[in-house]
Amino acid sequence: MAKPDFISQLAQQAGRLINNGPDIQQDIEEKVQVLLQGGFSRLNMVSRDEFDAQVAVLNRTRGKLEALEKQLAELTELLENQANSKD
């Protein structure tokens, strides 16, 4: 007779869980999010904000580098023209 009691208890618990479905779903989602955040923090990952800030810095640096490369090319050409005109 223990088995039917156990099964009816399981059925009652399952019924309560189904009735509390949205609450349980939210609780599970919160716990999974906490677990994932903990796992990601151990992976030395950066936040999206930090990533976007570094992309902006990289883009500014790339722009400055391209401007300096252009200036260097112009100065090199100017020096070559001056050297050629002296010959």
Protein backbone atom coordinates (compact mmCIF):
# COMPACT_ATOMS: atom_id res chain seq x y z
CA MET A 1 0.00 0.00 0.00
CA ALA A 2 3.02 2.29 0.29
CA LYS A 3 3.32 2.60 -3.48
CA PRO A 4 -0.15 4.05 -4.08
CA ASP A 5 0.38 6.57 -1.26
CA PHE A 6 3.73 7.54 -2.72
CA ILE A 7 2.23 7.91 -6.19
CA SER A 8 -0.68 9.98 -4.90
CA GLN A 9 1.75 12.21 -2.99
CA LEU A 10 3.77 12.69 -6.16
CA ALA A 11 0.62 13.50 -8.08
CA GLN A 12 -0.39 16.05 -5.44
CA GLN A 13 3.07 17.66 -5.50
CA ALA A 14 3.03 17.76 -9.30
CA GLY A 15 -0.39 19.39 -9.19
CA ARG A 16 0.87 22.06 -6.79
CA LEU A 17 3.89 22.67 -9.01
CA ILE A 18 1.72 23.05 -12.07
CA ASN A 19 -0.51 25.52 -10.22
CA ASN A 20 2.58 27.48 -9.18
CA GLY A 21 4.08 27.23 -12.67
CA PRO A 22 4.81 30.93 -13.37
CA ASP A 23 6.41 31.41 -9.94
CA ILE A 24 8.55 28.33 -10.34
CA GLN A 25 9.52 29.29 -13.88
CA GLN A 26 10.67 32.72 -12.71
CA ASP A 27 12.58 31.16 -9.82
CA ILE A 28 14.29 28.70 -12.16
CA GLU A 29 15.18 31.48 -14.62
CA GLU A 30 16.70 33.57 -11.82
CA LYS A 31 18.75 30.64 -10.54
CA VAL A 32 19.97 29.72 -14.02
CA GLN A 33 20.95 33.34 -14.63
CA VAL A 34 22.94 33.42 -11.37
CA LEU A 35 24.65 30.16 -12.32
CA LEU A 36 25.53 31.44 -15.80
CA GLN A 37 26.85 34.74 -14.46
CA GLY A 38 29.04 32.85 -12.01
CA GLY A 39 30.34 30.62 -14.78
CA PHE A 40 31.02 33.54 -17.10
CA SER A 41 32.84 35.47 -14.39
CA ARG A 42 35.26 32.56 -14.01
CA LEU A 43 35.95 32.68 -17.77
CA ASN A 44 37.45 36.20 -17.51
CA MET A 45 34.86 37.63 -19.89
CA VAL A 46 34.12 41.35 -20.17
CA SER A 47 30.74 43.01 -20.15
CA ARG A 48 29.18 44.35 -23.33
CA ASP A 49 29.74 47.93 -22.09
CA GLU A 50 33.45 47.28 -21.57
CA PHE A 51 33.69 45.64 -24.98
CA ASP A 52 31.94 48.57 -26.69
CA ALA A 53 34.23 51.05 -24.91
CA GLN A 54 37.32 49.17 -26.10
CA VAL A 55 35.95 49.04 -29.67
CA ALA A 56 35.49 52.82 -29.58
CA VAL A 57 39.08 53.29 -28.33
CA LEU A 58 40.35 50.95 -31.04
CA ASN A 59 38.43 52.83 -33.75
CA ARG A 60 39.82 56.19 -32.59
CA THR A 61 43.34 54.74 -32.46
CA ARG A 62 42.93 53.24 -35.92
CA GLY A 63 41.79 56.62 -37.28
CA LYS A 64 44.81 58.36 -35.76
CA LEU A 65 47.14 55.67 -37.13
CA GLU A 66 45.71 56.05 -40.64
CA ALA A 67 46.15 59.84 -40.44
CA LEU A 68 49.76 59.43 -39.30
CA GLU A 69 50.46 56.91 -42.08
CA LYS A 70 49.08 59.37 -44.62
CA GLN A 71 51.17 62.20 -43.16
CA LEU A 72 54.30 60.00 -43.19
CA ALA A 73 53.69 59.07 -46.83
CA GLU A 74 53.29 62.75 -47.75
CA LEU A 75 56.47 63.74 -45.87
CA THR A 76 58.41 60.85 -47.40
CA GLU A 77 57.28 61.88 -50.88
CA LEU A 78 58.21 65.51 -50.15
CA LEU A 79 61.69 64.49 -48.99
CA GLU A 80 62.19 62.25 -52.02
CA ASN A 81 61.13 65.10 -54.34
CA GLN A 82 63.55 67.48 -52.60
CA ALA A 83 66.38 64.93 -52.83
CA ASN A 84 65.65 64.31 -56.52
CA SER A 85 65.51 68.04 -57.32
CA LYS A 86 69.00 68.58 -55.77
CA ASP A 87 70.49 65.93 -58.04
